[in-house]
Amino acid sequence: MKLSDAIRKRIKFYLKEKNMNVWRLCKMSGIPCSTISTFMSGKTELIKLDTLLHICEGFGITLGEFFKDSTFDTAEQD
């Protein structure tokens, strides 16, 4: 699995776990909805680490918690 796909999968996991939608995540993280939406739809393949940090803050988790998943053990470069 490509790294960007693994990140999308993990964001979807936390959206479901936290009972949030993308709009709420945007408000909680301070990241523009267009940024998150274009990444989640696959129109953008890369996401900056600082953007991902703000997304994690919106979920109320750390980057370490976000990446603590076996999906990332086999993730490949995009």
PDB file of N, CA and C in Angstrom:
ATOM      1  N   MET A   1       0.838  -1.176   0.000  1.00  0.00           N
ATOM      2  CA  MET A   1       0.000   0.000   0.000  1.00  0.00           C
ATOM      3  C   MET A   1       0.885   1.241   0.000  1.00  0.00           C
ATOM      4  N   LYS A   2       0.479   2.209  -0.807  1.00  0.00           N
ATOM      5  CA  LYS A   2       1.236   3.456  -0.851  1.00  0.00           C
ATOM      6  C   LYS A   2       1.039   4.231   0.453  1.00  0.00           C
ATOM      7  N   LEU A   3       2.039   5.001   0.821  1.00  0.00           N
ATOM      8  CA  LEU A   3       1.998   5.763   2.064  1.00  0.00           C
ATOM      9  C   LEU A   3       0.787   6.697   2.109  1.00  0.00           C
ATOM     10  N   SER A   4       0.520   7.392   1.013  1.00  0.00           N
ATOM     11  CA  SER A   4      -0.625   8.309   1.001  1.00  0.00           C
ATOM     12  C   SER A   4      -1.941   7.557   1.232  1.00  0.00           C
ATOM     13  N   ASP A   5      -2.058   6.353   0.677  1.00  0.00           N
ATOM     14  CA  ASP A   5      -3.261   5.542   0.891  1.00  0.00           C
ATOM     15  C   ASP A   5      -3.358   5.093   2.350  1.00  0.00           C
ATOM     16  N   ALA A   6      -2.233   4.769   2.949  1.00  0.00           N
ATOM     17  CA  ALA A   6      -2.218   4.377   4.353  1.00  0.00           C
ATOM     18  C   ALA A   6      -2.645   5.541   5.244  1.00  0.00           C
ATOM     19  N   ILE A   7      -2.202   6.742   4.914  1.00  0.00           N
ATOM     20  CA  ILE A   7      -2.592   7.927   5.692  1.00  0.00           C
ATOM     21  C   ILE A   7      -4.087   8.183   5.529  1.00  0.00           C
ATOM     22  N   ARG A   8      -4.601   8.066   4.312  1.00  0.00           N
ATOM     23  CA  ARG A   8      -6.040   8.242   4.084  1.00  0.00           C
ATOM     24  C   ARG A   8      -6.841   7.225   4.901  1.00  0.00           C
ATOM     25  N   LYS A   9      -6.380   5.988   4.878  1.00  0.00           N
ATOM     26  CA  LYS A   9      -7.057   4.921   5.618  1.00  0.00           C
ATOM     27  C   LYS A   9      -7.093   5.240   7.105  1.00  0.00           C
ATOM     28  N   ARG A  10      -6.005   5.751   7.620  1.00  0.00           N
ATOM     29  CA  ARG A  10      -5.921   6.076   9.044  1.00  0.00           C
ATOM     30  C   ARG A  10      -6.802   7.281   9.385  1.00  0.00           C
ATOM     31  N   ILE A  11      -6.851   8.278   8.517  1.00  0.00           N
ATOM     32  CA  ILE A  11      -7.737   9.420   8.749  1.00  0.00           C
ATOM     33  C   ILE A  11      -9.187   8.944   8.761  1.00  0.00           C
ATOM     34  N   LYS A  12      -9.555   8.072   7.825  1.00  0.00           N
ATOM     35  CA  LYS A  12     -10.914   7.536   7.789  1.00  0.00           C
ATOM     36  C   LYS A  12     -11.224   6.764   9.073  1.00  0.00           C
ATOM     37  N   PHE A  13     -10.237   6.017   9.573  1.00  0.00           N
ATOM     38  CA  PHE A  13     -10.407   5.282  10.828  1.00  0.00           C
ATOM     39  C   PHE A  13     -10.744   6.239  11.966  1.00  0.00           C
ATOM     40  N   TYR A  14      -9.968   7.317  12.089  1.00  0.00           N
ATOM     41  CA  TYR A  14     -10.201   8.263  13.178  1.00  0.00           C
ATOM     42  C   TYR A  14     -11.480   9.072  12.977  1.00  0.00           C
ATOM     43  N   LEU A  15     -11.847   9.347  11.738  1.00  0.00           N
ATOM     44  CA  LEU A  15     -13.129  10.018  11.502  1.00  0.00           C
ATOM     45  C   LEU A  15     -14.271   9.162  12.062  1.00  0.00           C
ATOM     46  N   LYS A  16     -14.198   7.873  11.794  1.00  0.00           N
ATOM     47  CA  LYS A  16     -15.233   6.962  12.280  1.00  0.00           C
ATOM     48  C   LYS A  16     -15.147   6.815  13.799  1.00  0.00           C
ATOM     49  N   GLU A  17     -13.949   6.624  14.321  1.00  0.00           N
ATOM     50  CA  GLU A  17     -13.772   6.415  15.769  1.00  0.00           C
ATOM     51  C   GLU A  17     -14.230   7.625  16.579  1.00  0.00           C
ATOM     52  N   LYS A  18     -13.948   8.807  16.067  1.00  0.00           N
ATOM     53  CA  LYS A  18     -14.296  10.040  16.779  1.00  0.00           C
ATOM     54  C   LYS A  18     -15.680  10.569  16.386  1.00  0.00           C
ATOM     55  N   ASN A  19     -16.379   9.794  15.535  1.00  0.00           N
ATOM     56  CA  ASN A  19     -17.715  10.174  15.065  1.00  0.00           C
ATOM     57  C   ASN A  19     -17.702  11.600  14.492  1.00  0.00           C
ATOM     58  N   MET A  20     -16.759  11.826  13.578  1.00  0.00           N
ATOM     59  CA  MET A  20     -16.587  13.138  12.954  1.00  0.00           C
ATOM     60  C   MET A  20     -16.762  13.012  11.447  1.00  0.00           C
ATOM     61  N   ASN A  21     -17.048  14.124  10.819  1.00  0.00           N
ATOM     62  CA  ASN A  21     -17.010  14.188   9.361  1.00  0.00           C
ATOM     63  C   ASN A  21     -15.863  15.128   8.969  1.00  0.00           C
ATOM     64  N   VAL A  22     -15.591  15.226   7.690  1.00  0.00           N
ATOM     65  CA  VAL A  22     -14.469  16.036   7.220  1.00  0.00           C
ATOM     66  C   VAL A  22     -14.661  17.508   7.603  1.00  0.00           C
ATOM     67  N   TRP A  23     -15.900  18.004   7.500  1.00  0.00           N
ATOM     68  CA  TRP A  23     -16.159  19.396   7.844  1.00  0.00           C
ATOM     69  C   TRP A  23     -15.788  19.665   9.304  1.00  0.00           C
ATOM     70  N   ARG A  24     -16.187  18.784  10.212  1.00  0.00           N
ATOM     71  CA  ARG A  24     -15.863  18.958  11.637  1.00  0.00           C
ATOM     72  C   ARG A  24     -14.357  18.875  11.857  1.00  0.00           C
ATOM     73  N   LEU A  25     -13.690  17.944  11.164  1.00  0.00           N
ATOM     74  CA  LEU A  25     -12.238  17.827  11.277  1.00  0.00           C
ATOM     75  C   LEU A  25     -11.563  19.122  10.835  1.00  0.00           C
ATOM     76  N   CYS A  26     -12.055  19.712   9.777  1.00  0.00           N
ATOM     77  CA  CYS A  26     -11.500  20.987   9.299  1.00  0.00           C
ATOM     78  C   CYS A  26     -11.606  22.057  10.377  1.00  0.00           C
ATOM     79  N   LYS A  27     -12.762  22.144  10.999  1.00  0.00           N
ATOM     80  CA  LYS A  27     -12.975  23.149  12.048  1.00  0.00           C
ATOM     81  C   LYS A  27     -12.095  22.878  13.262  1.00  0.00           C
ATOM     82  N   MET A  28     -11.950  21.618  13.646  1.00  0.00           N
ATOM     83  CA  MET A  28     -11.170  21.265  14.835  1.00  0.00           C
ATOM     84  C   MET A  28      -9.667  21.398  14.607  1.00  0.00           C
ATOM     85  N   SER A  29      -9.231  21.196  13.359  1.00  0.00           N
ATOM     86  CA  SER A  29      -7.801  21.211  13.057  1.00  0.00           C
ATOM     87  C   SER A  29      -7.309  22.567  12.551  1.00  0.00           C
ATOM     88  N   GLY A  30      -8.232  23.389  12.046  1.00  0.00           N
ATOM     89  CA  GLY A  30      -7.834  24.667  11.467  1.00  0.00           C
ATOM     90  C   GLY A  30      -7.281  24.538  10.057  1.00  0.00           C
ATOM     91  N   ILE A  31      -7.421  23.381   9.466  1.00  0.00           N
ATOM     92  CA  ILE A  31      -6.958  23.134   8.096  1.00  0.00           C
ATOM     93  C   ILE A  31      -8.130  23.398   7.144  1.00  0.00           C
ATOM     94  N   PRO A  32      -7.897  24.117   6.044  1.00  0.00           N
ATOM     95  CA  PRO A  32      -8.990  24.365   5.094  1.00  0.00           C
ATOM     96  C   PRO A  32      -9.606  23.061   4.584  1.00  0.00           C
ATOM     97  N   CYS A  33     -10.914  23.060   4.457  1.00  0.00           N
ATOM     98  CA  CYS A  33     -11.610  21.859   3.969  1.00  0.00           C
ATOM     99  C   CYS A  33     -11.116  21.440   2.593  1.00  0.00           C
ATOM    100  N   SER A  34     -10.749  22.408   1.776  1.00  0.00           N
ATOM    101  CA  SER A  34     -10.265  22.068   0.435  1.00  0.00           C
ATOM    102  C   SER A  34      -8.973  21.253   0.514  1.00  0.00           C
ATOM    103  N   THR A  35      -8.131  21.560   1.472  1.00  0.00           N
ATOM    104  CA  THR A  35      -6.871  20.820   1.634  1.00  0.00           C
ATOM    105  C   THR A  35      -7.137  19.371   2.018  1.00  0.00           C
ATOM    106  N   ILE A  36      -7.994  19.182   3.011  1.00  0.00           N
ATOM    107  CA  ILE A  36      -8.302  17.821   3.457  1.00  0.00           C
ATOM    108  C   ILE A  36      -9.083  17.069   2.387  1.00  0.00           C
ATOM    109  N   SER A  37     -10.061  17.723   1.769  1.00  0.00           N
ATOM    110  CA  SER A  37     -10.891  17.064   0.757  1.00  0.00           C
ATOM    111  C   SER A  37     -10.094  16.621  -0.462  1.00  0.00           C
ATOM    112  N   THR A  38      -9.192  17.471  -0.943  1.00  0.00           N
ATOM    113  CA  THR A  38      -8.411  17.078  -2.126  1.00  0.00           C
ATOM    114  C   THR A  38      -7.455  15.936  -1.803  1.00  0.00           C
ATOM    115  N   PHE A  39      -6.938  15.907  -0.574  1.00  0.00           N
ATOM    116  CA  PHE A  39      -6.078  14.778  -0.195  1.00  0.00           C
ATOM    117  C   PHE A  39      -6.909  13.503  -0.046  1.00  0.00           C
ATOM    118  N   MET A  40      -8.036  13.598   0.630  1.00  0.00           N
ATOM    119  CA  MET A  40      -8.861  12.409   0.870  1.00  0.00           C
ATOM    120  C   MET A  40      -9.438  11.844  -0.423  1.00  0.00           C
ATOM    121  N   SER A  41      -9.691  12.685  -1.406  1.00  0.00           N
ATOM    122  CA  SER A  41     -10.233  12.209  -2.681  1.00  0.00           C
ATOM    123  C   SER A  41      -9.148  11.644  -3.602  1.00  0.00           C
ATOM    124  N   GLY A  42      -7.884  11.859  -3.250  1.00  0.00           N
ATOM    125  CA  GLY A  42      -6.788  11.361  -4.070  1.00  0.00           C
ATOM    126  C   GLY A  42      -6.330  12.329  -5.134  1.00  0.00           C
ATOM    127  N   LYS A  43      -6.947  13.506  -5.197  1.00  0.00           N
ATOM    128  CA  LYS A  43      -6.517  14.501  -6.180  1.00  0.00           C
ATOM    129  C   LYS A  43      -5.119  15.020  -5.848  1.00  0.00           C
ATOM    130  N   THR A  44      -4.805  15.019  -4.557  1.00  0.00           N
ATOM    131  CA  THR A  44      -3.463  15.369  -4.089  1.00  0.00           C
ATOM    132  C   THR A  44      -2.875  14.129  -3.442  1.00  0.00           C
ATOM    133  N   GLU A  45      -1.669  13.752  -3.843  1.00  0.00           N
ATOM    134  CA  GLU A  45      -1.050  12.540  -3.305  1.00  0.00           C
ATOM    135  C   GLU A  45      -0.230  12.796  -2.048  1.00  0.00           C
ATOM    136  N   LEU A  46       0.255  14.017  -1.882  1.00  0.00           N
ATOM    137  CA  LEU A  46       1.142  14.305  -0.759  1.00  0.00           C
ATOM    138  C   LEU A  46       0.453  15.178   0.262  1.00  0.00           C
ATOM    139  N   ILE A  47       0.822  14.968   1.511  1.00  0.00           N
ATOM    140  CA  ILE A  47       0.330  15.814   2.591  1.00  0.00           C
ATOM    141  C   ILE A  47       1.536  16.209   3.431  1.00  0.00           C
ATOM    142  N   LYS A  48       1.610  17.482   3.792  1.00  0.00           N
ATOM    143  CA  LYS A  48       2.746  17.943   4.580  1.00  0.00           C
ATOM    144  C   LYS A  48       2.620  17.443   6.009  1.00  0.00           C
ATOM    145  N   LEU A  49       3.761  17.204   6.623  1.00  0.00           N
ATOM    146  CA  LEU A  49       3.768  16.690   7.983  1.00  0.00           C
ATOM    147  C   LEU A  49       3.118  17.664   8.954  1.00  0.00           C
ATOM    148  N   ASP A  50       3.331  18.955   8.764  1.00  0.00           N
ATOM    149  CA  ASP A  50       2.703  19.919   9.684  1.00  0.00           C
ATOM    150  C   ASP A  50       1.188  19.936   9.503  1.00  0.00           C
ATOM    151  N   THR A  51       0.701  19.677   8.290  1.00  0.00           N
ATOM    152  CA  THR A  51      -0.737  19.559   8.059  1.00  0.00           C
ATOM    153  C   THR A  51      -1.280  18.345   8.792  1.00  0.00           C
ATOM    154  N   LEU A  52      -0.546  17.240   8.702  1.00  0.00           N
ATOM    155  CA  LEU A  52      -0.953  16.019   9.389  1.00  0.00           C
ATOM    156  C   LEU A  52      -0.938  16.218  10.906  1.00  0.00           C
ATOM    157  N   LEU A  53       0.017  16.986  11.403  1.00  0.00           N
ATOM    158  CA  LEU A  53       0.067  17.293  12.834  1.00  0.00           C
ATOM    159  C   LEU A  53      -1.200  18.035  13.264  1.00  0.00           C
ATOM    160  N   HIS A  54      -1.635  19.015  12.475  1.00  0.00           N
ATOM    161  CA  HIS A  54      -2.862  19.750  12.807  1.00  0.00           C
ATOM    162  C   HIS A  54      -4.097  18.849  12.730  1.00  0.00           C
ATOM    163  N   ILE A  55      -4.095  17.929  11.780  1.00  0.00           N
ATOM    164  CA  ILE A  55      -5.193  16.960  11.685  1.00  0.00           C
ATOM    165  C   ILE A  55      -5.228  16.111  12.955  1.00  0.00           C
ATOM    166  N   CYS A  56      -4.066  15.653  13.393  1.00  0.00           N
ATOM    167  CA  CYS A  56      -3.992  14.873  14.631  1.00  0.00           C
ATOM    168  C   CYS A  56      -4.494  15.686  15.818  1.00  0.00           C
ATOM    169  N   GLU A  57      -4.131  16.944  15.877  1.00  0.00           N
ATOM    170  CA  GLU A  57      -4.610  17.817  16.952  1.00  0.00           C
ATOM    171  C   GLU A  57      -6.135  17.936  16.896  1.00  0.00           C
ATOM    172  N   GLY A  58      -6.686  17.992  15.698  1.00  0.00           N
ATOM    173  CA  GLY A  58      -8.140  18.031  15.537  1.00  0.00           C
ATOM    174  C   GLY A  58      -8.806  16.774  16.063  1.00  0.00           C
ATOM    175  N   PHE A  59      -8.122  15.649  15.922  1.00  0.00           N
ATOM    176  CA  PHE A  59      -8.632  14.388  16.459  1.00  0.00           C
ATOM    177  C   PHE A  59      -8.362  14.247  17.959  1.00  0.00           C
ATOM    178  N   GLY A  60      -7.465  15.078  18.480  1.00  0.00           N
ATOM    179  CA  GLY A  60      -7.091  14.975  19.887  1.00  0.00           C
ATOM    180  C   GLY A  60      -6.107  13.846  20.151  1.00  0.00           C
ATOM    181  N   ILE A  61      -5.255  13.559  19.142  1.00  0.00           N
ATOM    182  CA  ILE A  61      -4.250  12.508  19.269  1.00  0.00           C
ATOM    183  C   ILE A  61      -2.882  13.072  18.896  1.00  0.00           C
ATOM    184  N   THR A  62      -1.842  12.285  19.151  1.00  0.00           N
ATOM    185  CA  THR A  62      -0.488  12.671  18.767  1.00  0.00           C
ATOM    186  C   THR A  62      -0.133  12.040  17.426  1.00  0.00           C
ATOM    187  N   LEU A  63       0.929  12.551  16.822  1.00  0.00           N
ATOM    188  CA  LEU A  63       1.428  11.918  15.591  1.00  0.00           C
ATOM    189  C   LEU A  63       1.820  10.468  15.859  1.00  0.00           C
ATOM    190  N   GLY A  64       2.401  10.231  17.027  1.00  0.00           N
ATOM    191  CA  GLY A  64       2.790   8.863  17.395  1.00  0.00           C
ATOM    192  C   GLY A  64       1.603   7.923  17.409  1.00  0.00           C
ATOM    193  N   GLU A  65       0.495   8.381  17.964  1.00  0.00           N
ATOM    194  CA  GLU A  65      -0.720   7.562  17.985  1.00  0.00           C
ATOM    195  C   GLU A  65      -1.222   7.322  16.566  1.00  0.00           C
ATOM    196  N   PHE A  66      -1.156   8.357  15.738  1.00  0.00           N
ATOM    197  CA  PHE A  66      -1.624   8.237  14.355  1.00  0.00           C
ATOM    198  C   PHE A  66      -0.847   7.158  13.608  1.00  0.00           C
ATOM    199  N   PHE A  67       0.461   7.157  13.772  1.00  0.00           N
ATOM    200  CA  PHE A  67       1.302   6.217  13.026  1.00  0.00           C
ATOM    201  C   PHE A  67       1.458   4.865  13.717  1.00  0.00           C
ATOM    202  N   LYS A  68       0.858   4.705  14.893  1.00  0.00           N
ATOM    203  CA  LYS A  68       0.956   3.433  15.615  1.00  0.00           C
ATOM    204  C   LYS A  68      -0.089   2.471  15.065  1.00  0.00           C
ATOM    205  N   ASP A  69       0.211   1.952  13.893  1.00  0.00           N
ATOM    206  CA  ASP A  69      -0.682   1.029  13.206  1.00  0.00           C
ATOM    207  C   ASP A  69       0.152   0.181  12.250  1.00  0.00           C
ATOM    208  N   SER A  70      -0.159  -1.085  12.169  1.00  0.00           N
ATOM    209  CA  SER A  70       0.634  -2.000  11.332  1.00  0.00           C
ATOM    210  C   SER A  70       0.559  -1.644   9.847  1.00  0.00           C
ATOM    211  N   THR A  71      -0.429  -0.861   9.441  1.00  0.00           N
ATOM    212  CA  THR A  71      -0.534  -0.432   8.041  1.00  0.00           C
ATOM    213  C   THR A  71       0.746   0.259   7.589  1.00  0.00           C
ATOM    214  N   PHE A  72       1.356   1.014   8.486  1.00  0.00           N
ATOM    215  CA  PHE A  72       2.554   1.777   8.133  1.00  0.00           C
ATOM    216  C   PHE A  72       3.816   0.919   8.088  1.00  0.00           C
ATOM    217  N   ASP A  73       3.762  -0.294   8.632  1.00  0.00           N
ATOM    218  CA  ASP A  73       4.927  -1.173   8.609  1.00  0.00           C
ATOM    219  C   ASP A  73       5.297  -1.601   7.194  1.00  0.00           C
ATOM    220  N   THR A  74       4.309  -1.663   6.317  1.00  0.00           N
ATOM    221  CA  THR A  74       4.556  -2.125   4.945  1.00  0.00           C
ATOM    222  C   THR A  74       4.265  -1.046   3.908  1.00  0.00           C
ATOM    223  N   ALA A  75       4.021   0.182   4.365  1.00  0.00           N
ATOM    224  CA  ALA A  75       3.708   1.259   3.430  1.00  0.00           C
ATOM    225  C   ALA A  75       4.911   1.545   2.524  1.00  0.00           C
ATOM    226  N   GLU A  76       4.604   1.825   1.268  1.00  0.00           N
ATOM    227  CA  GLU A  76       5.643   2.108   0.278  1.00  0.00           C
ATOM    228  C   GLU A  76       5.596   3.566  -0.122  1.00  0.00           C
ATOM    229  N   GLN A  77       6.723   4.038  -0.592  1.00  0.00           N
ATOM    230  CA  GLN A  77       6.819   5.424  -1.068  1.00  0.00           C
ATOM    231  C   GLN A  77       5.892   5.633  -2.253  1.00  0.00           C
ATOM    232  N   ASP A  78       5.280   6.816  -2.306  1.00  0.00           N
ATOM    233  CA  ASP A  78       4.396   7.144  -3.434  1.00  0.00           C
ATOM    234  C   ASP A  78       5.172   7.340  -4.700  1.00  0.00           C
TER     235      ASP A  78
END
